[in-house]
Protein backbone atom coordinates (compact mmCIF):
# COMPACT_ATOMS: atom_id res chain seq x y z
CA MET A 1 16.70 -5.23 -32.59
CA LYS A 2 16.46 -1.23 -33.32
CA VAL A 3 13.21 0.68 -32.76
CA ALA A 4 12.40 3.98 -34.28
CA VAL A 5 11.92 6.71 -31.43
CA LEU A 6 8.93 8.59 -31.62
CA ASP A 7 8.06 12.13 -30.48
CA ILE A 8 5.48 13.40 -28.18
CA ASN A 9 3.22 13.81 -31.41
CA GLY A 10 3.64 10.42 -32.54
CA LYS A 11 5.93 11.30 -35.35
CA ASP A 12 9.21 9.48 -36.29
CA THR A 13 12.15 11.56 -34.90
CA GLY A 14 14.70 10.06 -37.62
CA ARG A 15 16.60 8.31 -34.60
CA LYS A 16 16.60 4.60 -33.86
CA VAL A 17 17.63 2.88 -30.65
CA GLU A 18 18.94 -0.58 -30.14
CA LEU A 19 17.11 -3.03 -27.80
CA SER A 20 18.85 -5.63 -26.11
CA LYS A 21 18.56 -9.28 -27.27
CA GLU A 22 19.18 -10.57 -23.70
CA VAL A 23 15.93 -8.58 -22.52
CA TYR A 24 13.80 -8.15 -25.54
CA GLY A 25 14.71 -11.21 -27.83
CA ILE A 26 14.56 -14.31 -25.52
CA GLU A 27 12.89 -17.52 -26.34
CA PRO A 28 9.66 -16.69 -23.70
CA ASN A 29 9.27 -19.18 -20.84
CA ASN A 30 5.50 -19.30 -20.70
CA HIS A 31 5.73 -20.98 -17.14
CA ALA A 32 7.92 -18.31 -15.50
CA VAL A 33 5.31 -15.69 -16.98
CA TYR A 34 2.37 -17.75 -15.26
CA LEU A 35 4.11 -18.05 -12.04
CA ASP A 36 5.30 -14.33 -11.65
CA VAL A 37 1.34 -13.41 -12.59
CA LYS A 38 0.25 -15.64 -10.42
CA GLN A 39 1.96 -14.14 -7.29
CA TYR A 40 1.10 -10.95 -8.32
CA LEU A 41 -2.55 -11.41 -8.38
CA ALA A 42 -2.05 -13.80 -5.10
CA ASN A 43 -0.58 -10.79 -3.47
CA GLN A 44 -3.43 -8.63 -4.34
CA ARG A 45 -5.53 -10.98 -2.20
CA GLN A 46 -6.23 -9.32 1.51
CA GLY A 47 -6.92 -12.89 2.81
CA THR A 48 -9.34 -11.51 5.89
CA HIS A 49 -12.22 -14.11 4.94
CA LYS A 50 -13.73 -15.48 8.09
CA ALA A 51 -16.64 -17.38 8.96
CA LYS A 52 -17.60 -18.89 12.44
CA GLU A 53 -16.91 -22.43 13.27
CA ARG A 54 -18.97 -24.09 15.97
CA ALA A 55 -16.85 -23.31 18.83
CA GLU A 56 -17.61 -19.63 18.21
CA ILE A 57 -21.05 -19.92 17.88
CA THR A 58 -23.34 -18.80 21.07
CA GLY A 59 -25.76 -21.61 22.20
CA SER A 60 -26.41 -24.02 24.71
CA THR A 61 -24.03 -27.26 25.21
CA ARG A 62 -26.73 -29.48 26.38
CA LYS A 63 -27.04 -32.80 24.52
CA ILE A 64 -30.01 -32.07 22.63
CA LYS A 65 -31.65 -35.63 22.26
CA LYS A 66 -30.90 -39.04 23.71
CA GLN A 67 -28.22 -40.95 22.02
CA LYS A 68 -29.89 -44.15 21.13
CA GLY A 69 -33.44 -45.10 20.02
CA THR A 70 -34.80 -41.86 17.87
CA GLY A 71 -34.03 -43.42 14.98
CA THR A 72 -31.93 -40.68 13.25
CA ALA A 73 -28.23 -39.74 13.72
CA ARG A 74 -26.94 -39.03 16.98
CA ALA A 75 -26.57 -35.19 18.04
CA GLY A 76 -24.40 -33.84 20.72
CA SER A 77 -24.48 -29.95 20.14
CA ILE A 78 -27.21 -27.32 18.72
CA LYS A 79 -24.14 -25.56 17.29
CA SER A 80 -23.01 -28.55 14.76
CA GLY A 81 -22.82 -27.21 11.24
CA VAL A 82 -25.73 -29.61 10.39
CA PHE A 83 -28.16 -27.51 12.20
CA LYS A 84 -29.47 -24.14 11.22
CA GLY A 85 -27.73 -21.52 13.09
CA GLY A 86 -24.92 -23.70 13.89
CA GLY A 87 -21.26 -22.97 12.78
CA ARG A 88 -20.03 -23.38 9.21
CA MET A 89 -17.77 -26.46 8.57
CA PHE A 90 -14.67 -26.15 6.87
CA GLY A 91 -14.96 -22.83 6.52
CA PRO A 92 -12.68 -19.86 5.31
CA ARG A 93 -10.00 -18.71 7.63
CA PRO A 94 -7.86 -15.34 7.51
CA ARG A 95 -4.74 -16.38 5.40
CA ASN A 96 -1.92 -15.03 3.38
CA TYR A 97 -2.19 -16.22 -0.35
CA GLY A 98 1.39 -15.20 -1.17
CA PHE A 99 4.26 -17.47 -2.04
CA LYS A 100 7.93 -17.04 -2.59
CA LEU A 101 9.43 -16.82 -6.08
CA ASN A 102 13.15 -16.80 -6.80
CA LYS A 103 14.15 -13.69 -8.03
CA ASN A 104 15.91 -15.30 -11.51
CA VAL A 105 12.37 -16.68 -12.03
CA LYS A 106 11.01 -13.31 -11.68
CA ARG A 107 13.69 -11.77 -13.76
CA LEU A 108 13.32 -14.53 -16.50
CA ALA A 109 9.49 -14.06 -16.39
CA ARG A 110 9.83 -9.96 -17.10
CA LYS A 111 12.45 -10.56 -19.87
CA SER A 112 9.91 -13.38 -21.22
CA ALA A 113 6.90 -10.64 -21.29
CA LEU A 114 9.04 -7.83 -22.89
CA SER A 115 10.25 -10.38 -25.54
CA ILE A 116 6.45 -11.17 -26.20
CA LYS A 117 5.75 -7.61 -26.46
CA ALA A 118 8.59 -6.99 -28.69
CA ASN A 119 7.75 -9.97 -30.70
CA ASP A 120 4.18 -8.75 -31.46
CA LYS A 121 5.35 -5.05 -32.19
CA SER A 122 3.61 -4.11 -28.98
CA ILE A 123 6.64 -1.97 -27.74
CA VAL A 124 7.13 1.84 -28.44
CA VAL A 125 10.15 3.89 -27.56
CA MET A 126 9.07 7.74 -27.19
CA GLU A 127 10.93 10.77 -26.05
CA ASP A 128 10.82 11.60 -22.45
CA LEU A 129 7.49 13.18 -21.58
CA SER A 130 7.59 16.12 -19.53
CA PHE A 131 4.28 18.57 -18.52
CA ASP A 132 4.74 21.81 -16.84
CA ALA A 133 1.46 20.96 -14.68
CA PRO A 134 -0.62 17.97 -14.40
CA LYS A 135 -3.35 18.02 -17.20
CA THR A 136 -5.13 14.83 -18.19
CA LYS A 137 -6.10 16.60 -21.65
CA ASN A 138 -2.35 16.91 -22.34
CA PHE A 139 -1.73 13.12 -21.64
CA THR A 140 -4.83 12.37 -23.54
CA ASN A 141 -3.56 14.14 -26.66
CA VAL A 142 -0.26 12.04 -26.44
CA LEU A 143 -2.24 8.71 -26.36
CA LYS A 144 -3.91 9.86 -29.27
CA ALA A 145 -1.16 10.62 -31.08
CA LEU A 146 0.06 7.18 -30.66
CA GLU A 147 -3.14 5.72 -31.56
CA VAL A 148 -3.54 4.25 -28.14
CA GLU A 149 -6.29 5.91 -26.45
CA ASN A 150 -8.88 3.23 -26.53
CA LYS A 151 -6.10 0.52 -25.82
CA LYS A 152 -4.56 -0.31 -22.46
CA SER A 153 -1.14 1.07 -22.18
CA LEU A 154 1.50 1.02 -19.86
CA ILE A 155 3.77 4.01 -19.85
CA VAL A 156 7.49 3.34 -18.39
CA LEU A 157 9.49 6.36 -16.82
CA GLY A 158 13.10 6.42 -16.24
CA GLU A 159 12.69 8.20 -13.04
CA PRO A 160 9.53 9.34 -11.06
CA ASN A 161 7.56 12.37 -12.81
CA ASN A 162 5.00 13.87 -10.73
CA ASN A 163 2.89 15.87 -13.41
CA VAL A 164 3.05 12.69 -15.61
CA TYR A 165 1.69 10.78 -13.00
CA LEU A 166 -0.98 12.74 -11.93
CA SER A 167 -1.98 13.64 -15.78
CA ALA A 168 -2.71 9.74 -15.96
CA ARG A 169 -4.29 8.93 -12.85
CA ASN A 170 -8.01 9.43 -13.89
CA LEU A 171 -7.63 7.51 -17.04
CA LYS A 172 -8.58 3.67 -16.60
CA THR A 173 -7.13 2.31 -19.45
CA SER A 174 -3.53 3.85 -18.76
CA GLU A 175 -1.06 3.23 -15.99
CA VAL A 176 2.47 5.08 -15.59
CA VAL A 177 5.22 3.34 -13.77
CA THR A 178 9.22 3.64 -13.70
CA ASN A 179 11.37 1.21 -14.63
CA SER A 180 12.11 -0.22 -11.02
CA GLU A 181 8.15 -0.69 -10.93
CA LEU A 182 7.88 -2.63 -13.96
CA SER A 183 6.21 -6.19 -13.60
CA THR A 184 5.15 -9.07 -15.45
CA TYR A 185 1.44 -8.74 -15.07
CA LYS A 186 1.54 -4.98 -15.96
CA ILE A 187 3.57 -5.76 -19.05
CA MET A 188 1.33 -8.63 -20.03
CA ASN A 189 -2.21 -6.74 -18.94
CA ALA A 190 -1.16 -3.94 -21.38
CA ASN A 191 -1.99 -4.01 -25.24
CA LYS A 192 0.79 -1.52 -25.66
CA VAL A 193 4.21 -0.89 -23.66
CA ILE A 194 5.39 2.94 -24.16
CA LEU A 195 9.09 3.14 -22.86
CA MET A 196 10.72 6.26 -22.36
CA GLU A 197 14.25 6.82 -23.82
CA SER A 198 15.78 7.42 -20.16
CA ALA A 199 13.83 4.19 -19.11
CA LEU A 200 15.89 1.68 -21.49
CA GLU A 201 18.95 1.67 -19.55
CA GLY A 202 17.38 1.26 -16.30
CA ILE A 203 15.29 -1.76 -17.55
CA GLU A 204 18.26 -3.44 -19.55
CA SER A 205 20.56 -2.95 -16.19
CA ASN A 206 17.90 -4.76 -14.08
CA LEU A 207 17.18 -7.62 -16.18
CA SER A 208 20.66 -8.25 -17.44
CA LYS A 209 22.06 -9.41 -13.95
């Protein structure tokens, strides 16, 4: 699968790169994508929610009325969840929402996500970005040249570049990651995936194992 390489102005450089069929041309496994996205979102949850139960409520421990003869249900504690001010029954407790996912499933999910984007023609290959200093305007001009300024875009670098990262930090619709930080969620969440030339080899070596 050959894709044209664009320059910083969005123009065709006349060069093409071959995208591996093992990474960008497989039959997508939707369930693997679902599991990997589910795990990513689960790991974002803090799980610090907590409600007081009856054992944690401050209140009298006396029996509030006699057991029989009242015509109503028996009650032994004012801290019961059926009374106002009592503890919450079956309330949330701190917990970890994360779950384990096999590495091979995660790898399959990322390849499936990239194949989905490639099939939708939502992958762009571009010459490596390099800014002399962090400047959001320069980064915005690149997005305009690629016609993705109003779309969610994911820019994948071959190696960390602080100037590029800082230039994109204030933009809500654009995110910059390196090939080692690529995740199924980020791929699927973007309308366009913009791959730097230097990132291709790293992506294919990580996912072709």
